[in-house]
Protein backbone atom coordinates (compact mmCIF):
# COMPACT_ATOMS: atom_id res chain seq x y z
CA UNK A 1 169.05 24.26 201.14
CA UNK A 2 169.61 27.81 202.49
CA UNK A 3 166.81 30.34 202.69
CA UNK A 4 166.86 34.14 202.89
CA UNK A 5 165.88 34.11 206.44
CA UNK A 6 169.42 31.89 207.62
CA UNK A 7 171.14 34.94 208.74
CA UNK A 8 174.77 34.58 209.31
CA UNK A 9 177.40 36.55 211.07
CA UNK A 10 179.21 39.53 208.86
CA UNK A 11 182.41 39.12 210.40
CA UNK A 12 182.94 39.48 213.65
CA UNK A 13 180.97 42.09 213.91
CA UNK A 14 177.58 41.37 216.00
CA UNK A 15 175.35 41.95 212.63
CA UNK A 16 173.46 39.01 211.44
CA UNK A 17 173.20 39.09 207.60
CA UNK A 18 171.30 37.17 204.59
CA UNK A 19 172.88 34.94 202.55
CA UNK A 20 172.00 37.35 199.74
CA UNK A 21 172.16 41.19 200.12
CA UNK A 22 169.99 43.60 197.82
CA UNK A 23 171.71 45.51 196.15
CA UNK A 24 169.81 48.92 195.04
CA UNK A 25 172.17 50.13 192.10
CA UNK A 26 169.01 49.27 190.21
CA UNK A 27 166.60 51.75 192.03
CA UNK A 28 166.40 54.76 190.82
CA UNK A 29 167.25 56.61 187.35
CA UNK A 30 169.08 55.46 184.59
CA UNK A 31 168.48 52.99 181.44
CA UNK A 32 169.61 49.99 183.46
CA UNK A 33 167.32 50.92 186.61
CA UNK A 34 163.37 49.97 187.65
CA UNK A 35 160.97 52.45 188.27
CA UNK A 36 159.92 53.59 191.40
CA UNK A 37 157.02 51.18 191.39
CA UNK A 38 159.47 48.47 190.33
CA UNK A 39 161.72 48.99 192.88
CA UNK A 40 159.14 49.22 195.68
CA UNK A 41 157.80 45.41 194.57
CA UNK A 42 161.84 44.34 194.31
CA UNK A 43 162.24 45.34 198.11
CA UNK A 44 159.43 44.42 199.37
CA UNK A 45 159.45 40.57 197.96
CA UNK A 46 163.03 40.46 198.98
CA UNK A 47 162.07 41.63 202.74
CA UNK A 48 158.86 39.71 202.87
CA UNK A 49 161.45 36.92 201.38
CA UNK A 50 162.96 36.85 205.02
CA UNK A 51 165.86 39.12 203.62
CA UNK A 52 167.30 42.08 205.68
CA UNK A 53 170.36 43.46 204.06
CA UNK A 54 170.01 46.35 201.54
CA UNK A 55 173.03 47.94 199.99
CA UNK A 56 173.12 51.29 198.36
CA UNK A 57 175.27 54.21 198.09
CA UNK A 58 175.30 58.10 197.73
CA UNK A 59 176.22 58.08 194.29
CA UNK A 60 173.77 55.79 192.74
CA UNK A 61 171.45 58.16 190.93
CA UNK A 62 172.51 60.92 192.15
CA UNK A 63 170.91 60.16 195.29
CA UNK A 64 167.88 58.72 194.18
CA UNK A 65 168.56 55.32 195.36
CA UNK A 66 169.20 56.21 198.89
CA UNK A 67 166.01 58.62 198.22
CA UNK A 68 164.18 55.52 197.62
CA UNK A 69 165.41 53.12 200.26
CA UNK A 70 164.10 55.71 202.63
CA UNK A 71 160.81 55.93 201.16
CA UNK A 72 160.58 52.04 201.50
CA UNK A 73 162.17 51.46 205.22
CA UNK A 74 159.11 53.66 206.41
CA UNK A 75 156.83 50.58 205.07
CA UNK A 76 158.59 47.87 207.21
CA UNK A 77 160.40 47.64 210.80
CA UNK A 78 163.67 49.50 210.32
CA UNK A 79 165.17 47.73 213.01
CA UNK A 80 164.62 44.46 210.86
CA UNK A 81 166.91 45.77 208.11
CA UNK A 82 170.57 45.98 208.00
CA UNK A 83 171.02 48.74 205.96
CA UNK A 84 174.31 49.48 204.68
CA UNK A 85 175.43 52.72 201.97
CA UNK A 86 178.63 53.92 200.69
CA UNK A 87 180.65 57.61 200.19
CA UNK A 88 183.14 58.62 197.64
CA UNK A 89 181.93 56.76 194.60
CA UNK A 90 182.10 58.80 191.02
CA UNK A 91 179.21 59.80 189.75
CA UNK A 92 178.04 58.99 186.26
CA UNK A 93 176.62 61.56 183.79
CA UNK A 94 174.85 59.92 180.18
CA UNK A 95 176.82 56.47 181.54
CA UNK A 96 180.06 58.04 181.71
CA UNK A 97 182.34 58.26 185.18
CA UNK A 98 182.85 62.12 186.30
CA UNK A 99 184.58 62.95 189.29
CA UNK A 100 184.66 65.47 191.15
CA UNK A 101 187.81 65.63 193.66
CA UNK A 102 185.82 67.03 196.62
CA UNK A 103 183.30 64.40 196.31
CA UNK A 104 185.79 61.35 195.46
CA UNK A 105 187.56 62.28 198.99
CA UNK A 106 187.83 59.31 201.23
CA UNK A 107 189.13 62.14 203.89
CA UNK A 108 187.12 63.20 207.19
CA UNK A 109 185.10 66.12 205.60
CA UNK A 110 183.73 64.83 202.75
CA UNK A 111 183.20 61.53 204.89
CA UNK A 112 181.19 63.75 208.10
CA UNK A 113 179.15 65.83 204.76
CA UNK A 114 178.32 62.42 202.95
CA UNK A 115 177.20 60.66 205.53
CA UNK A 116 174.67 63.43 206.82
CA UNK A 117 173.29 64.02 203.36
CA UNK A 118 172.37 60.52 203.07
CA UNK A 119 170.87 60.19 206.50
CA UNK A 120 168.41 62.88 205.00
CA UNK A 121 168.22 61.40 202.01
CA UNK A 122 167.41 57.71 203.72
CA UNK A 123 165.28 59.60 206.63
CA UNK A 124 166.99 57.65 209.33
CA UNK A 125 169.64 58.64 212.17
CA UNK A 126 172.28 55.77 211.86
CA UNK A 127 173.00 53.43 209.18
CA UNK A 128 174.18 49.63 210.05
CA UNK A 129 177.23 49.62 208.03
CA UNK A 130 179.10 52.36 205.96
CA UNK A 131 181.93 51.90 203.23
CA UNK A 132 184.28 53.51 201.89
CA UNK A 133 183.22 53.04 198.53
CA UNK A 134 186.53 53.73 196.14
CA UNK A 135 189.66 53.84 197.29
CA UNK A 136 190.82 57.81 196.02
CA UNK A 137 194.46 56.98 195.91
CA UNK A 138 195.69 59.85 198.25
CA UNK A 139 194.12 59.94 201.87
CA UNK A 140 195.66 58.35 204.64
CA UNK A 141 194.17 54.77 206.21
CA UNK A 142 194.86 56.82 209.72
CA UNK A 143 192.98 59.75 208.88
CA UNK A 144 190.03 57.13 207.75
CA UNK A 145 189.71 55.31 210.29
CA UNK A 146 190.17 58.08 212.73
CA UNK A 147 186.96 59.70 211.19
CA UNK A 148 185.15 56.08 210.90
CA UNK A 149 185.91 55.81 214.57
CA UNK A 150 184.13 59.25 215.48
CA UNK A 151 180.89 58.50 213.94
CA UNK A 152 180.95 55.18 215.45
CA UNK A 153 181.02 56.82 219.06
CA UNK A 154 178.52 59.50 217.62
CA UNK A 155 176.24 56.68 216.92
CA UNK A 156 175.35 57.73 213.17
CA UNK A 157 176.74 54.19 211.94
CA UNK A 158 177.64 51.14 213.59
CA UNK A 159 180.00 49.04 211.54
CA UNK A 160 182.42 50.32 208.76
CA UNK A 161 183.35 48.44 205.41
CA UNK A 162 186.10 48.97 202.86
CA UNK A 163 185.15 48.61 199.08
CA UNK A 164 187.33 48.51 196.42
CA UNK A 165 190.59 49.19 198.27
CA UNK A 166 193.76 47.80 197.60
CA UNK A 167 194.82 44.85 199.62
CA UNK A 168 197.88 46.55 201.63
CA UNK A 169 195.45 49.68 202.23
CA UNK A 170 193.27 47.08 203.91
CA UNK A 171 195.48 45.37 205.86
CA UNK A 172 197.03 48.65 206.98
CA UNK A 173 193.69 50.20 207.85
CA UNK A 174 192.89 46.58 210.25
CA UNK A 175 195.80 46.89 212.33
CA UNK A 176 195.44 50.50 213.32
CA UNK A 177 193.42 49.91 216.40
CA UNK A 178 190.37 51.65 215.37
CA UNK A 179 186.96 50.42 214.72
CA UNK A 180 187.28 46.91 212.99
CA UNK A 181 186.84 46.73 209.47
CA UNK A 182 183.64 44.28 209.14
CA UNK A 183 183.95 43.81 205.70
CA UNK A 184 185.64 44.17 202.54
CA UNK A 185 183.46 44.73 199.21
CA UNK A 186 185.30 43.45 196.00
CA UNK A 187 184.70 41.94 192.70
CA UNK A 188 184.27 38.05 192.51
CA UNK A 189 182.60 35.50 190.18
CA UNK A 190 184.00 32.33 188.43
CA UNK A 191 185.47 34.50 185.64
CA UNK A 192 187.16 37.11 188.17
CA UNK A 193 189.14 35.11 191.05
CA UNK A 194 191.83 37.57 191.47
CA UNK A 195 190.95 38.29 195.52
CA UNK A 196 191.90 34.85 196.21
CA UNK A 197 195.40 35.52 196.26
CA UNK A 198 195.67 38.13 199.06
CA UNK A 199 192.30 39.59 199.95
CA UNK A 200 191.22 36.25 200.90
CA UNK A 201 193.73 35.29 203.05
CA UNK A 202 194.14 38.68 204.80
CA UNK A 203 189.92 38.64 205.70
CA UNK A 204 190.45 35.43 206.81
CA UNK A 205 193.67 36.38 209.54
CA UNK A 206 191.46 39.74 210.28
CA UNK A 207 187.91 37.85 210.83
CA UNK A 208 186.45 40.54 207.88
CA UNK A 209 183.82 39.41 206.19
CA UNK A 210 184.06 39.35 202.07
CA UNK A 211 181.13 40.51 199.94
CA UNK A 212 181.63 39.64 196.44
CA UNK A 213 179.80 42.01 194.00
CA UNK A 214 179.67 41.30 189.93
CA UNK A 215 178.72 37.32 190.71
CA UNK A 216 177.69 37.08 186.90
CA UNK A 217 180.78 38.40 185.60
CA UNK A 218 178.96 41.24 184.42
CA UNK A 219 176.58 39.31 183.10
CA UNK A 220 178.82 37.03 181.34
CA UNK A 221 177.70 34.29 183.11
CA UNK A 222 174.24 34.40 182.78
CA UNK A 223 174.77 32.46 179.61
CA UNK A 224 173.18 34.89 177.34
CA UNK A 225 176.00 35.77 175.06
CA UNK A 226 177.83 32.69 172.43
CA UNK A 227 181.10 32.58 170.85
CA UNK A 228 179.63 33.61 167.51
CA UNK A 229 178.49 37.43 168.99
CA UNK A 230 174.92 36.00 170.05
CA UNK A 231 173.72 38.34 172.70
CA UNK A 232 174.14 42.23 172.81
CA UNK A 233 176.25 42.40 175.84
CA UNK A 234 179.34 44.33 175.67
CA UNK A 235 182.71 44.92 178.42
CA UNK A 236 183.32 48.35 180.18
CA UNK A 237 185.80 49.30 177.14
CA UNK A 238 183.20 48.77 174.66
CA UNK A 239 184.27 45.62 173.52
CA UNK A 240 181.75 42.67 172.85
CA UNK A 241 182.00 39.63 174.60
CA UNK A 242 183.02 37.40 171.86
CA UNK A 243 186.52 39.22 172.30
CA UNK A 244 186.74 37.48 175.57
CA UNK A 245 189.72 34.54 175.83
CA UNK A 246 188.73 31.26 174.93
CA UNK A 247 189.55 30.55 178.81
CA UNK A 248 186.31 32.45 180.34
CA UNK A 249 184.54 30.51 176.99
CA UNK A 250 185.49 27.62 178.99
CA UNK A 251 184.13 28.72 182.50
CA UNK A 252 180.92 29.58 180.96
CA UNK A 253 180.36 26.10 178.94
CA UNK A 254 181.39 24.32 182.56
CA UNK A 255 178.89 26.39 183.83
CA UNK A 256 176.24 25.65 181.08
CA UNK A 257 177.02 21.77 181.68
CA UNK A 258 176.22 22.10 185.50
CA UNK A 259 172.86 24.38 184.89
CA UNK A 260 171.76 21.30 182.28
CA UNK A 261 172.64 18.97 184.97
CA UNK A 262 170.17 20.44 187.95
CA UNK A 263 167.79 22.15 185.92
CA UNK A 264 168.77 25.52 186.66
CA UNK A 265 169.60 28.58 184.81
CA UNK A 266 173.33 29.01 184.03
CA UNK A 267 173.01 32.36 186.83
CA UNK A 268 171.78 30.55 189.40
CA UNK A 269 174.38 28.14 189.27
CA UNK A 270 177.40 30.72 188.87
CA UNK A 271 176.07 32.79 192.01
CA UNK A 272 175.43 29.59 193.96
CA UNK A 273 178.89 28.73 193.24
CA UNK A 274 179.90 31.88 195.48
CA UNK A 275 177.34 31.36 197.77
CA UNK A 276 179.90 28.23 198.70
CA UNK A 277 183.00 30.24 199.07
CA UNK A 278 184.07 30.17 203.04
CA UNK A 279 183.76 33.58 204.54
CA UNK A 280 181.46 35.17 201.81
CA UNK A 281 178.60 35.80 203.99
CA UNK A 282 176.18 37.93 201.88
CA UNK A 283 177.16 38.58 197.86
CA UNK A 284 175.24 41.19 196.53
CA UNK A 285 172.64 40.79 193.82
CA UNK A 286 170.60 43.19 192.02
CA UNK A 287 167.20 43.12 190.12
CA UNK A 288 165.48 45.11 187.76
CA UNK A 289 161.69 43.34 188.42
CA UNK A 290 160.33 40.80 190.70
CA UNK A 291 160.54 38.31 188.48
CA UNK A 292 164.26 38.47 188.11
CA UNK A 293 164.95 38.74 191.84
CA UNK A 294 162.96 35.21 192.31
CA UNK A 295 165.00 33.83 189.63
CA UNK A 296 168.24 34.88 191.56
CA UNK A 297 166.92 33.88 194.87
CA UNK A 298 166.35 30.51 192.86
CA UNK A 299 170.37 30.17 193.52
CA UNK A 300 169.79 29.53 197.05
CA UNK A 301 167.51 26.30 196.28
CA UNK A 302 170.06 24.64 194.38
CA UNK A 303 171.83 21.43 195.37
CA UNK A 304 175.12 20.86 193.83
CA UNK A 305 177.28 18.17 194.33
CA UNK A 306 180.56 17.99 195.59
CA UNK A 307 181.93 17.01 192.27
CA UNK A 308 180.19 19.65 190.30
CA UNK A 309 180.99 22.28 192.61
CA UNK A 310 184.92 21.02 192.18
CA UNK A 311 184.60 20.85 188.32
CA UNK A 312 183.23 24.67 188.16
CA UNK A 313 186.11 25.08 190.57
CA UNK A 314 188.83 23.49 188.13
CA UNK A 315 187.58 25.45 185.30
CA UNK A 316 188.01 28.62 186.79
CA UNK A 317 191.24 28.35 188.20
CA UNK A 318 193.52 31.45 187.78
CA UNK A 319 196.82 31.86 186.93
CA UNK A 320 198.25 32.63 190.09
CA UNK A 321 200.40 35.96 190.19
CA UNK A 322 204.19 36.14 192.04
CA UNK A 323 204.58 35.24 194.42
CA UNK A 324 201.71 32.84 195.11
CA UNK A 325 202.63 30.81 191.68
CA UNK A 326 206.06 29.55 193.01
CA UNK A 327 205.34 29.46 196.30
CA UNK A 328 202.54 26.82 195.54
CA UNK A 329 204.59 24.74 193.54
CA UNK A 330 207.88 24.86 196.19
CA UNK A 331 205.32 24.11 199.09
CA UNK A 332 203.10 21.65 197.81
CA UNK A 333 203.20 18.95 199.82
CA UNK A 334 204.25 20.67 203.43
CA UNK A 335 202.06 19.85 206.21
CA UNK A 336 200.04 22.55 207.16
């Protein structure tokens, strides 16, 4: 059984982190956010349970998430917490993304200005991990990594990470000779395993940690939804969950079966499977209440057999993109 206090290395950095990281996207304002007092209770329950890895961003609730994390940090030992934040993500208005090209830039000017604003909101003099949140499609990796290096030398950040970037971009950044890329933050779950083709091998090659987000497939793997339209969730494009292909429902069927066998919730089983993947030391979790956090952390206590894990893996096996599919067939049986 794994505990929150069973710290492990984050990539090749000197950072040691809990096996589940607390995402603070639910701290702040908005229909999906916890109130300030509830957010404090969630934070304290996580830290008092041994958790030490807290992740936020400058665009979460227009900075309010960072402000709350900053308040909560003053109530604990700051040095006990591995603090991460991000820059260059889109803002939101009435639930819809809005992009100011100045704030979305990955470039040096916006990076430095964004970090200074984040440090003020967090009320700290440095963050332990600073993420490029979303690739802007044009800023050269050379500029980003050089600016990261300057901030590391200035003592304002301890390590750097890349979130939601193309695999070729992450590879180039890792080879530029600047500060090492400590981690990649990417979507990964039993119903979204595309990163296994390119990102997982590149992370292994360069000693980079992969931090999964979306381990419950946007809530689909919580088991609250059914083929006939039960549940109220919708996909990002507004389509109902019942419009998903049968392959995804088949994955959920297997998750439900395993959950019934071990007396757990489907969400716990789906998250536990992610925690068992190599080089993924600290998947992100979120919570809107202390009770939801406690249920989520129960994923660490599960004991699944190799056979059960293999069933989940087989049920969710993705179709490999070119050239990986043909290479798998042609290289089958060759020594490795």
